[in-house]
């Protein structure tokens, strides 16, 4: 049986741990936190997409859509946006 690795759950667990470390029990620490979800989403998209492209793997758009839970046509829209590494 194929094991599915849920990186989303791992990411949430990591963010929870870091949030507890940073915020602790001090509400003033909230001003130290920045988390731009849209930027992170774009970076994660490009991590998966570019990883496959650099290795010449087939069906990159389809694989990326399946991994990230997007429809295939959404991948083309995301590719048209500026890549975070080019900023």
N, C-alpha and C. Protein backbone atom coordinates (compact mmCIF):
# COMPACT_ATOMS: atom_id res chain seq x y z
N UNK A 1 0.83 -1.17 0.00
CA UNK A 1 0.00 0.00 0.00
C UNK A 1 0.88 1.25 0.00
N UNK A 2 0.49 2.23 -0.81
CA UNK A 2 1.26 3.46 -0.94
C UNK A 2 0.98 4.38 0.26
N UNK A 3 2.03 4.86 0.90
CA UNK A 3 1.89 5.76 2.03
C UNK A 3 1.79 7.20 1.51
N UNK A 4 0.78 7.91 1.95
CA UNK A 4 0.62 9.32 1.58
C UNK A 4 1.23 10.18 2.70
N UNK A 5 2.08 11.08 2.32
CA UNK A 5 2.72 11.99 3.29
C UNK A 5 2.01 13.33 3.20
N UNK A 6 1.38 13.75 4.28
CA UNK A 6 0.61 14.98 4.31
C UNK A 6 1.49 16.13 4.80
N UNK A 7 2.09 16.85 3.86
CA UNK A 7 2.95 17.97 4.24
C UNK A 7 2.15 19.12 4.82
N UNK A 8 0.87 19.21 4.49
CA UNK A 8 0.02 20.25 5.07
C UNK A 8 -0.08 20.09 6.57
N UNK A 9 -0.32 18.87 7.03
CA UNK A 9 -0.42 18.61 8.47
C UNK A 9 0.92 18.87 9.16
N UNK A 10 2.01 18.49 8.49
CA UNK A 10 3.33 18.74 9.06
C UNK A 10 3.60 20.25 9.16
N UNK A 11 3.17 20.99 8.16
CA UNK A 11 3.37 22.44 8.16
C UNK A 11 2.59 23.10 9.29
N UNK A 12 1.34 22.68 9.47
CA UNK A 12 0.51 23.24 10.54
C UNK A 12 1.13 22.93 11.90
N UNK A 13 1.63 21.72 12.08
CA UNK A 13 2.27 21.35 13.34
C UNK A 13 3.50 22.22 13.59
N UNK A 14 4.30 22.46 12.54
CA UNK A 14 5.48 23.31 12.68
C UNK A 14 5.09 24.74 13.05
N UNK A 15 4.09 25.29 12.36
CA UNK A 15 3.66 26.66 12.63
C UNK A 15 3.11 26.77 14.06
N UNK A 16 2.39 25.76 14.50
CA UNK A 16 1.86 25.77 15.88
C UNK A 16 2.99 25.83 16.89
N UNK A 17 4.02 25.02 16.69
CA UNK A 17 5.15 25.01 17.61
C UNK A 17 5.86 26.35 17.62
N UNK A 18 6.13 26.89 16.42
CA UNK A 18 6.82 28.19 16.34
C UNK A 18 5.97 29.30 16.94
N UNK A 19 4.67 29.26 16.70
CA UNK A 19 3.78 30.27 17.25
C UNK A 19 3.83 30.26 18.78
N UNK A 20 3.81 29.06 19.35
CA UNK A 20 3.89 28.96 20.81
C UNK A 20 5.22 29.46 21.33
N UNK A 21 6.31 29.19 20.60
CA UNK A 21 7.63 29.67 21.00
C UNK A 21 7.70 31.19 20.94
N UNK A 22 7.16 31.77 19.88
CA UNK A 22 7.26 33.22 19.67
C UNK A 22 6.31 33.98 20.59
N UNK A 23 5.07 33.55 20.63
CA UNK A 23 4.07 34.27 21.41
C UNK A 23 4.17 34.00 22.89
N UNK A 24 4.51 32.76 23.23
CA UNK A 24 4.55 32.34 24.64
C UNK A 24 3.23 32.74 25.30
N UNK A 25 3.31 33.38 26.44
CA UNK A 25 2.09 33.83 27.14
C UNK A 25 2.03 35.35 27.18
N UNK A 26 2.73 35.99 26.24
CA UNK A 26 2.82 37.45 26.24
C UNK A 26 2.09 38.03 25.04
N UNK A 27 0.94 38.67 25.23
CA UNK A 27 0.19 39.22 24.10
C UNK A 27 0.96 40.30 23.33
N UNK A 28 1.96 40.91 23.94
CA UNK A 28 2.76 41.92 23.24
C UNK A 28 3.61 41.30 22.13
N UNK A 29 3.86 40.02 22.21
CA UNK A 29 4.66 39.34 21.20
C UNK A 29 3.95 39.20 19.86
N UNK A 30 2.65 39.43 19.83
CA UNK A 30 1.91 39.28 18.58
C UNK A 30 2.44 40.24 17.52
N UNK A 31 2.99 41.37 17.93
CA UNK A 31 3.53 42.34 16.97
C UNK A 31 4.80 41.84 16.30
N UNK A 32 5.37 40.74 16.80
CA UNK A 32 6.59 40.17 16.23
C UNK A 32 6.30 39.18 15.11
N UNK A 33 5.02 38.88 14.89
CA UNK A 33 4.66 37.83 13.95
C UNK A 33 4.19 38.41 12.62
N UNK A 34 4.71 37.85 11.54
CA UNK A 34 4.24 38.16 10.19
C UNK A 34 4.09 36.83 9.45
N UNK A 35 2.94 36.64 8.81
CA UNK A 35 2.70 35.41 8.08
C UNK A 35 1.77 35.72 6.92
N UNK A 36 2.34 35.98 5.76
CA UNK A 36 1.57 36.32 4.57
C UNK A 36 1.19 35.02 3.87
N UNK A 37 -0.04 34.57 4.09
CA UNK A 37 -0.49 33.28 3.58
C UNK A 37 -0.44 33.24 2.06
N UNK A 38 -0.82 34.32 1.39
CA UNK A 38 -0.80 34.35 -0.07
C UNK A 38 0.63 34.16 -0.59
N UNK A 39 1.57 34.83 0.03
CA UNK A 39 2.98 34.71 -0.37
C UNK A 39 3.48 33.28 -0.14
N UNK A 40 3.13 32.70 0.99
CA UNK A 40 3.55 31.33 1.29
C UNK A 40 2.94 30.37 0.29
N UNK A 41 1.67 30.56 -0.05
CA UNK A 41 1.00 29.70 -1.03
C UNK A 41 1.74 29.75 -2.37
N UNK A 42 2.08 30.94 -2.81
CA UNK A 42 2.80 31.09 -4.08
C UNK A 42 4.17 30.43 -4.03
N UNK A 43 4.87 30.59 -2.91
CA UNK A 43 6.20 30.00 -2.78
C UNK A 43 6.13 28.47 -2.77
N UNK A 44 5.14 27.92 -2.08
CA UNK A 44 5.00 26.46 -2.04
C UNK A 44 4.65 25.93 -3.43
N UNK A 45 3.77 26.63 -4.14
CA UNK A 45 3.44 26.24 -5.51
C UNK A 45 4.71 26.14 -6.34
N UNK A 46 5.53 27.18 -6.30
CA UNK A 46 6.75 27.20 -7.11
C UNK A 46 7.78 26.18 -6.64
N UNK A 47 7.80 25.88 -5.34
CA UNK A 47 8.71 24.83 -4.87
C UNK A 47 8.39 23.50 -5.54
N UNK A 48 7.12 23.11 -5.55
CA UNK A 48 6.73 21.84 -6.16
C UNK A 48 6.88 21.88 -7.67
N UNK A 49 6.43 22.95 -8.29
CA UNK A 49 6.46 23.04 -9.75
C UNK A 49 7.90 23.07 -10.26
N UNK A 50 8.69 23.98 -9.73
CA UNK A 50 10.08 24.14 -10.19
C UNK A 50 10.93 22.91 -9.92
N UNK A 51 10.69 22.23 -8.81
CA UNK A 51 11.44 21.02 -8.48
C UNK A 51 11.30 20.00 -9.60
N UNK A 52 10.07 19.82 -10.08
CA UNK A 52 9.82 18.85 -11.15
C UNK A 52 10.40 19.32 -12.49
N UNK A 53 10.24 20.60 -12.78
CA UNK A 53 10.74 21.15 -14.05
C UNK A 53 12.26 20.99 -14.13
N UNK A 54 12.95 21.32 -13.04
CA UNK A 54 14.42 21.23 -13.02
C UNK A 54 14.92 19.81 -13.25
N UNK A 55 14.10 18.84 -12.95
CA UNK A 55 14.50 17.44 -13.11
C UNK A 55 13.94 16.81 -14.38
N UNK A 56 13.21 17.60 -15.14
CA UNK A 56 12.67 17.11 -16.41
C UNK A 56 11.59 16.06 -16.26
N UNK A 57 10.87 16.11 -15.16
CA UNK A 57 9.82 15.11 -14.92
C UNK A 57 8.62 15.39 -15.82
N UNK A 58 7.88 14.34 -16.18
CA UNK A 58 6.70 14.53 -17.03
C UNK A 58 5.48 14.99 -16.21
N UNK A 59 4.50 15.56 -16.91
CA UNK A 59 3.20 15.92 -16.33
C UNK A 59 3.32 16.85 -15.12
N UNK A 60 4.18 17.83 -15.21
CA UNK A 60 4.47 18.71 -14.07
C UNK A 60 3.22 19.45 -13.61
N UNK A 61 2.50 20.06 -14.53
CA UNK A 61 1.30 20.83 -14.14
C UNK A 61 0.26 19.92 -13.50
N UNK A 62 0.05 18.76 -14.08
CA UNK A 62 -0.95 17.82 -13.54
C UNK A 62 -0.53 17.32 -12.15
N UNK A 63 0.74 16.96 -12.01
CA UNK A 63 1.23 16.50 -10.70
C UNK A 63 1.10 17.59 -9.65
N UNK A 64 1.48 18.81 -10.01
CA UNK A 64 1.41 19.92 -9.06
C UNK A 64 -0.03 20.18 -8.65
N UNK A 65 -0.94 20.15 -9.60
CA UNK A 65 -2.36 20.33 -9.30
C UNK A 65 -2.84 19.27 -8.32
N UNK A 66 -2.46 18.02 -8.55
CA UNK A 66 -2.88 16.92 -7.67
C UNK A 66 -2.32 17.07 -6.27
N UNK A 67 -1.05 17.43 -6.16
CA UNK A 67 -0.40 17.58 -4.85
C UNK A 67 -1.05 18.70 -4.05
N UNK A 68 -1.30 19.83 -4.71
CA UNK A 68 -1.79 21.02 -4.01
C UNK A 68 -3.30 21.10 -3.94
N UNK A 69 -4.00 20.16 -4.58
CA UNK A 69 -5.46 20.17 -4.52
C UNK A 69 -6.10 21.23 -5.38
N UNK A 70 -5.45 21.60 -6.48
CA UNK A 70 -5.98 22.58 -7.41
C UNK A 70 -6.55 21.87 -8.64
N UNK A 71 -7.38 22.58 -9.37
CA UNK A 71 -7.79 22.09 -10.67
C UNK A 71 -6.64 22.37 -11.64
N UNK A 72 -6.51 21.52 -12.64
CA UNK A 72 -5.40 21.63 -13.58
C UNK A 72 -5.33 23.02 -14.22
N UNK A 73 -6.48 23.59 -14.58
CA UNK A 73 -6.47 24.89 -15.26
C UNK A 73 -5.98 26.03 -14.35
N UNK A 74 -6.07 25.82 -13.04
CA UNK A 74 -5.58 26.85 -12.11
C UNK A 74 -4.06 26.97 -12.15
N UNK A 75 -3.38 25.90 -12.53
CA UNK A 75 -1.92 25.92 -12.58
C UNK A 75 -1.43 26.94 -13.60
N UNK A 76 -2.06 26.99 -14.75
CA UNK A 76 -1.65 27.96 -15.78
C UNK A 76 -1.81 29.39 -15.28
N UNK A 77 -2.87 29.66 -14.55
CA UNK A 77 -3.08 31.00 -13.99
C UNK A 77 -1.96 31.33 -13.00
N UNK A 78 -1.60 30.35 -12.19
CA UNK A 78 -0.56 30.58 -11.20
C UNK A 78 0.80 30.79 -11.87
N UNK A 79 1.04 30.10 -12.98
CA UNK A 79 2.30 30.26 -13.70
C UNK A 79 2.43 31.64 -14.32
N UNK A 80 1.31 32.24 -14.68
CA UNK A 80 1.35 33.56 -15.30
C UNK A 80 1.75 34.64 -14.31
N UNK A 81 1.49 34.36 -13.02
CA UNK A 81 1.92 35.32 -12.00
C UNK A 81 3.43 35.28 -11.88
N UNK A 82 3.97 36.35 -11.37
CA UNK A 82 5.43 36.44 -11.22
C UNK A 82 5.92 35.43 -10.19
N UNK A 83 6.97 34.73 -10.55
CA UNK A 83 7.58 33.76 -9.65
C UNK A 83 8.22 34.48 -8.46
N UNK A 84 8.02 33.97 -7.22
CA UNK A 84 8.60 34.63 -6.03
C UNK A 84 10.11 34.74 -6.11
N UNK A 85 10.78 33.80 -6.77
CA UNK A 85 12.24 33.85 -6.82
C UNK A 85 12.73 34.92 -7.78
N UNK A 86 11.85 35.44 -8.64
CA UNK A 86 12.23 36.50 -9.58
C UNK A 86 11.98 37.90 -9.02
N UNK A 87 11.47 37.98 -7.80
CA UNK A 87 11.16 39.30 -7.22
C UNK A 87 12.37 39.93 -6.61
